[in-house]
């Protein structure tokens, strides 16, 4: 079904290449954001569920 849609769609190569580039740009931006993220913030957020449980006990 998807093949038929792509074959009927004019300029399908442009659509496929642009969607690939969009995905790659998004993936690279997310990776850069995660690398540059403050390590203390990551540690705080990872321990947050554990801290909530300790307060409720």
PDB file of N, CA and C in Angstrom:
ATOM      1  N   UNK A   1       0.826  -1.187   0.000  1.00  0.00           N
ATOM      2  CA  UNK A   1       0.000   0.000   0.000  1.00  0.00           C
ATOM      3  C   UNK A   1       0.871   1.250   0.000  1.00  0.00           C
ATOM      4  N   UNK A   2       1.873   1.263   0.828  1.00  0.00           N
ATOM      5  CA  UNK A   2       2.748   2.423   0.891  1.00  0.00           C
ATOM      6  C   UNK A   2       3.487   2.607  -0.435  1.00  0.00           C
ATOM      7  N   UNK A   3       3.855   1.504  -1.065  1.00  0.00           N
ATOM      8  CA  UNK A   3       4.533   1.568  -2.361  1.00  0.00           C
ATOM      9  C   UNK A   3       3.654   2.237  -3.406  1.00  0.00           C
ATOM     10  N   UNK A   4       2.385   1.897  -3.405  1.00  0.00           N
ATOM     11  CA  UNK A   4       1.463   2.498  -4.369  1.00  0.00           C
ATOM     12  C   UNK A   4       1.318   3.991  -4.124  1.00  0.00           C
ATOM     13  N   UNK A   5       1.284   4.390  -2.872  1.00  0.00           N
ATOM     14  CA  UNK A   5       1.176   5.808  -2.545  1.00  0.00           C
ATOM     15  C   UNK A   5       2.400   6.561  -3.047  1.00  0.00           C
ATOM     16  N   UNK A   6       3.587   6.002  -2.837  1.00  0.00           N
ATOM     17  CA  UNK A   6       4.818   6.652  -3.256  1.00  0.00           C
ATOM     18  C   UNK A   6       4.911   6.702  -4.777  1.00  0.00           C
ATOM     19  N   UNK A   7       4.481   5.643  -5.452  1.00  0.00           N
ATOM     20  CA  UNK A   7       4.543   5.630  -6.914  1.00  0.00           C
ATOM     21  C   UNK A   7       3.578   6.636  -7.512  1.00  0.00           C
ATOM     22  N   UNK A   8       2.427   6.803  -6.930  1.00  0.00           N
ATOM     23  CA  UNK A   8       1.443   7.755  -7.442  1.00  0.00           C
ATOM     24  C   UNK A   8       1.786   9.192  -7.080  1.00  0.00           C
ATOM     25  N   UNK A   9       2.541   9.372  -6.056  1.00  0.00           N
ATOM     26  CA  UNK A   9       2.893  10.714  -5.582  1.00  0.00           C
ATOM     27  C   UNK A   9       3.964  11.302  -6.497  1.00  0.00           C
ATOM     28  N   UNK A  10       3.703  12.467  -7.067  1.00  0.00           N
ATOM     29  CA  UNK A  10       4.693  13.086  -7.946  1.00  0.00           C
ATOM     30  C   UNK A  10       5.834  13.651  -7.115  1.00  0.00           C
ATOM     31  N   UNK A  11       7.018  13.612  -7.649  1.00  0.00           N
ATOM     32  CA  UNK A  11       8.236  14.063  -6.958  1.00  0.00           C
ATOM     33  C   UNK A  11       8.432  13.321  -5.651  1.00  0.00           C
ATOM     34  N   UNK A  12       8.253  12.016  -5.681  1.00  0.00           N
ATOM     35  CA  UNK A  12       8.358  11.222  -4.463  1.00  0.00           C
ATOM     36  C   UNK A  12       9.776  11.234  -3.901  1.00  0.00           C
ATOM     37  N   UNK A  13      10.760  11.379  -4.754  1.00  0.00           N
ATOM     38  CA  UNK A  13      12.137  11.419  -4.263  1.00  0.00           C
ATOM     39  C   UNK A  13      12.370  12.630  -3.373  1.00  0.00           C
ATOM     40  N   UNK A  14      11.820  13.754  -3.752  1.00  0.00           N
ATOM     41  CA  UNK A  14      11.982  14.959  -2.941  1.00  0.00           C
ATOM     42  C   UNK A  14      11.329  14.770  -1.583  1.00  0.00           C
ATOM     43  N   UNK A  15      10.152  14.156  -1.575  1.00  0.00           N
ATOM     44  CA  UNK A  15       9.449  13.901  -0.323  1.00  0.00           C
ATOM     45  C   UNK A  15      10.248  12.965   0.578  1.00  0.00           C
ATOM     46  N   UNK A  16      10.774  11.897   0.009  1.00  0.00           N
ATOM     47  CA  UNK A  16      11.519  10.927   0.804  1.00  0.00           C
ATOM     48  C   UNK A  16      12.831  11.505   1.327  1.00  0.00           C
ATOM     49  N   UNK A  17      13.540  12.225   0.493  1.00  0.00           N
ATOM     50  CA  UNK A  17      14.815  12.811   0.922  1.00  0.00           C
ATOM     51  C   UNK A  17      14.589  13.898   1.956  1.00  0.00           C
ATOM     52  N   UNK A  18      13.564  14.729   1.773  1.00  0.00           N
ATOM     53  CA  UNK A  18      13.306  15.779   2.750  1.00  0.00           C
ATOM     54  C   UNK A  18      12.865  15.199   4.089  1.00  0.00           C
ATOM     55  N   UNK A  19      12.103  14.129   4.083  1.00  0.00           N
ATOM     56  CA  UNK A  19      11.712  13.512   5.349  1.00  0.00           C
ATOM     57  C   UNK A  19      12.915  12.872   6.039  1.00  0.00           C
ATOM     58  N   UNK A  20      13.824  12.301   5.264  1.00  0.00           N
ATOM     59  CA  UNK A  20      15.052  11.750   5.841  1.00  0.00           C
ATOM     60  C   UNK A  20      15.889  12.843   6.480  1.00  0.00           C
ATOM     61  N   UNK A  21      16.052  13.965   5.780  1.00  0.00           N
ATOM     62  CA  UNK A  21      16.827  15.075   6.338  1.00  0.00           C
ATOM     63  C   UNK A  21      16.168  15.645   7.590  1.00  0.00           C
ATOM     64  N   UNK A  22      14.859  15.747   7.578  1.00  0.00           N
ATOM     65  CA  UNK A  22      14.142  16.249   8.745  1.00  0.00           C
ATOM     66  C   UNK A  22      14.379  15.347   9.950  1.00  0.00           C
ATOM     67  N   UNK A  23      14.304  14.038   9.752  1.00  0.00           N
ATOM     68  CA  UNK A  23      14.562  13.096  10.828  1.00  0.00           C
ATOM     69  C   UNK A  23      15.996  13.207  11.327  1.00  0.00           C
ATOM     70  N   UNK A  24      16.958  13.280  10.424  1.00  0.00           N
ATOM     71  CA  UNK A  24      18.361  13.366  10.819  1.00  0.00           C
ATOM     72  C   UNK A  24      18.654  14.650  11.599  1.00  0.00           C
ATOM     73  N   UNK A  25      18.107  15.759  11.140  1.00  0.00           N
ATOM     74  CA  UNK A  25      18.323  17.032  11.841  1.00  0.00           C
ATOM     75  C   UNK A  25      17.720  16.971  13.242  1.00  0.00           C
ATOM     76  N   UNK A  26      16.511  16.437  13.355  1.00  0.00           N
ATOM     77  CA  UNK A  26      15.876  16.315  14.665  1.00  0.00           C
ATOM     78  C   UNK A  26      16.697  15.415  15.581  1.00  0.00           C
ATOM     79  N   UNK A  27      17.163  14.271  15.077  1.00  0.00           N
ATOM     80  CA  UNK A  27      17.943  13.341  15.872  1.00  0.00           C
ATOM     81  C   UNK A  27      19.252  13.977  16.326  1.00  0.00           C
ATOM     82  N   UNK A  28      19.917  14.694  15.450  1.00  0.00           N
ATOM     83  CA  UNK A  28      21.179  15.347  15.803  1.00  0.00           C
ATOM     84  C   UNK A  28      20.952  16.438  16.836  1.00  0.00           C
ATOM     85  N   UNK A  29      19.887  17.220  16.693  1.00  0.00           N
ATOM     86  CA  UNK A  29      19.592  18.272  17.676  1.00  0.00           C
ATOM     87  C   UNK A  29      19.301  17.688  19.051  1.00  0.00           C
ATOM     88  N   UNK A  30      18.555  16.608  19.104  1.00  0.00           N
ATOM     89  CA  UNK A  30      18.271  15.967  20.388  1.00  0.00           C
ATOM     90  C   UNK A  30      19.551  15.415  21.009  1.00  0.00           C
ATOM     91  N   UNK A  31      20.405  14.819  20.195  1.00  0.00           N
ATOM     92  CA  UNK A  31      21.674  14.289  20.698  1.00  0.00           C
ATOM     93  C   UNK A  31      22.560  15.403  21.247  1.00  0.00           C
ATOM     94  N   UNK A  32      22.635  16.523  20.544  1.00  0.00           N
ATOM     95  CA  UNK A  32      23.440  17.656  21.017  1.00  0.00           C
ATOM     96  C   UNK A  32      22.862  18.209  22.314  1.00  0.00           C
ATOM     97  N   UNK A  33      21.538  18.303  22.393  1.00  0.00           N
ATOM     98  CA  UNK A  33      20.910  18.803  23.610  1.00  0.00           C
ATOM     99  C   UNK A  33      21.225  17.893  24.800  1.00  0.00           C
ATOM    100  N   UNK A  34      21.180  16.583  24.592  1.00  0.00           N
ATOM    101  CA  UNK A  34      21.466  15.651  25.677  1.00  0.00           C
ATOM    102  C   UNK A  34      22.930  15.706  26.093  1.00  0.00           C
ATOM    103  N   UNK A  35      23.824  15.880  25.146  1.00  0.00           N
ATOM    104  CA  UNK A  35      25.242  15.964  25.479  1.00  0.00           C
ATOM    105  C   UNK A  35      25.546  17.229  26.262  1.00  0.00           C
ATOM    106  N   UNK A  36      24.908  18.335  25.891  1.00  0.00           N
ATOM    107  CA  UNK A  36      25.172  19.616  26.543  1.00  0.00           C
ATOM    108  C   UNK A  36      24.393  19.823  27.842  1.00  0.00           C
ATOM    109  N   UNK A  37      23.456  18.916  28.144  1.00  0.00           N
ATOM    110  CA  UNK A  37      22.623  19.067  29.326  1.00  0.00           C
ATOM    111  C   UNK A  37      23.474  19.009  30.603  1.00  0.00           C
ATOM    112  N   UNK A  38      23.063  19.774  31.589  1.00  0.00           N
ATOM    113  CA  UNK A  38      23.767  19.832  32.865  1.00  0.00           C
ATOM    114  C   UNK A  38      23.701  18.469  33.554  1.00  0.00           C
ATOM    115  N   UNK A  39      24.854  17.924  33.900  1.00  0.00           N
ATOM    116  CA  UNK A  39      24.910  16.581  34.498  1.00  0.00           C
ATOM    117  C   UNK A  39      24.255  16.546  35.883  1.00  0.00           C
ATOM    118  N   UNK A  40      24.343  17.634  36.630  1.00  0.00           N
ATOM    119  CA  UNK A  40      23.688  17.687  37.941  1.00  0.00           C
ATOM    120  C   UNK A  40      22.164  17.613  37.800  1.00  0.00           C
ATOM    121  N   UNK A  41      21.639  18.252  36.781  1.00  0.00           N
ATOM    122  CA  UNK A  41      20.192  18.211  36.532  1.00  0.00           C
ATOM    123  C   UNK A  41      19.754  16.786  36.182  1.00  0.00           C
ATOM    124  N   UNK A  42      20.546  16.088  35.379  1.00  0.00           N
ATOM    125  CA  UNK A  42      20.228  14.710  35.016  1.00  0.00           C
ATOM    126  C   UNK A  42      20.223  13.827  36.261  1.00  0.00           C
ATOM    127  N   UNK A  43      21.205  14.012  37.122  1.00  0.00           N
ATOM    128  CA  UNK A  43      21.281  13.213  38.345  1.00  0.00           C
ATOM    129  C   UNK A  43      20.088  13.523  39.261  1.00  0.00           C
ATOM    130  N   UNK A  44      19.749  14.793  39.405  1.00  0.00           N
ATOM    131  CA  UNK A  44      18.611  15.190  40.236  1.00  0.00           C
ATOM    132  C   UNK A  44      17.320  14.564  39.712  1.00  0.00           C
ATOM    133  N   UNK A  45      17.104  14.627  38.391  1.00  0.00           N
ATOM    134  CA  UNK A  45      15.881  14.081  37.813  1.00  0.00           C
ATOM    135  C   UNK A  45      15.835  12.556  37.929  1.00  0.00           C
ATOM    136  N   UNK A  46      16.980  11.889  37.862  1.00  0.00           N
ATOM    137  CA  UNK A  46      16.974  10.429  37.969  1.00  0.00           C
ATOM    138  C   UNK A  46      16.692   9.969  39.395  1.00  0.00           C
ATOM    139  N   UNK A  47      17.038  10.773  40.381  1.00  0.00           N
ATOM    140  CA  UNK A  47      16.793  10.414  41.774  1.00  0.00           C
ATOM    141  C   UNK A  47      15.454  10.920  42.291  1.00  0.00           C
ATOM    142  N   UNK A  48      14.763  11.709  41.524  1.00  0.00           N
ATOM    143  CA  UNK A  48      13.514  12.315  41.954  1.00  0.00           C
ATOM    144  C   UNK A  48      12.442  11.294  42.348  1.00  0.00           C
ATOM    145  N   UNK A  49      12.191  10.251  41.577  1.00  0.00           N
ATOM    146  CA  UNK A  49      11.171   9.275  42.005  1.00  0.00           C
ATOM    147  C   UNK A  49      11.523   8.596  43.330  1.00  0.00           C
ATOM    148  N   UNK A  50      12.806   8.385  43.569  1.00  0.00           N
ATOM    149  CA  UNK A  50      13.217   7.746  44.813  1.00  0.00           C
ATOM    150  C   UNK A  50      13.010   8.683  45.999  1.00  0.00           C
ATOM    151  N   UNK A  51      13.270   9.967  45.810  1.00  0.00           N
ATOM    152  CA  UNK A  51      13.102  10.941  46.878  1.00  0.00           C
ATOM    153  C   UNK A  51      11.647  11.104  47.257  1.00  0.00           C
ATOM    154  N   UNK A  52      10.743  11.056  46.268  1.00  0.00           N
ATOM    155  CA  UNK A  52       9.323  11.171  46.575  1.00  0.00           C
ATOM    156  C   UNK A  52       8.847  10.011  47.444  1.00  0.00           C
ATOM    157  N   UNK A  53       9.330   8.817  47.161  1.00  0.00           N
ATOM    158  CA  UNK A  53       8.922   7.641  47.938  1.00  0.00           C
ATOM    159  C   UNK A  53       9.455   7.720  49.365  1.00  0.00           C
ATOM    160  N   UNK A  54      10.630   8.261  49.584  1.00  0.00           N
ATOM    161  CA  UNK A  54      11.194   8.386  50.924  1.00  0.00           C
ATOM    162  C   UNK A  54      10.400   9.379  51.764  1.00  0.00           C
ATOM    163  N   UNK A  55       9.899  10.443  51.145  1.00  0.00           N
ATOM    164  CA  UNK A  55       9.134  11.449  51.884  1.00  0.00           C
ATOM    165  C   UNK A  55       7.770  10.923  52.320  1.00  0.00           C
ATOM    166  N   UNK A  56       7.189  10.026  51.545  1.00  0.00           N
ATOM    167  CA  UNK A  56       5.859   9.514  51.843  1.00  0.00           C
ATOM    168  C   UNK A  56       5.874   8.435  52.926  1.00  0.00           C
ATOM    169  N   UNK A  57       7.005   7.835  53.172  1.00  0.00           N
ATOM    170  CA  UNK A  57       7.080   6.716  54.141  1.00  0.00           C
ATOM    171  C   UNK A  57       7.015   7.215  55.553  1.00  0.00           C
TER     172      UNK A  57
END
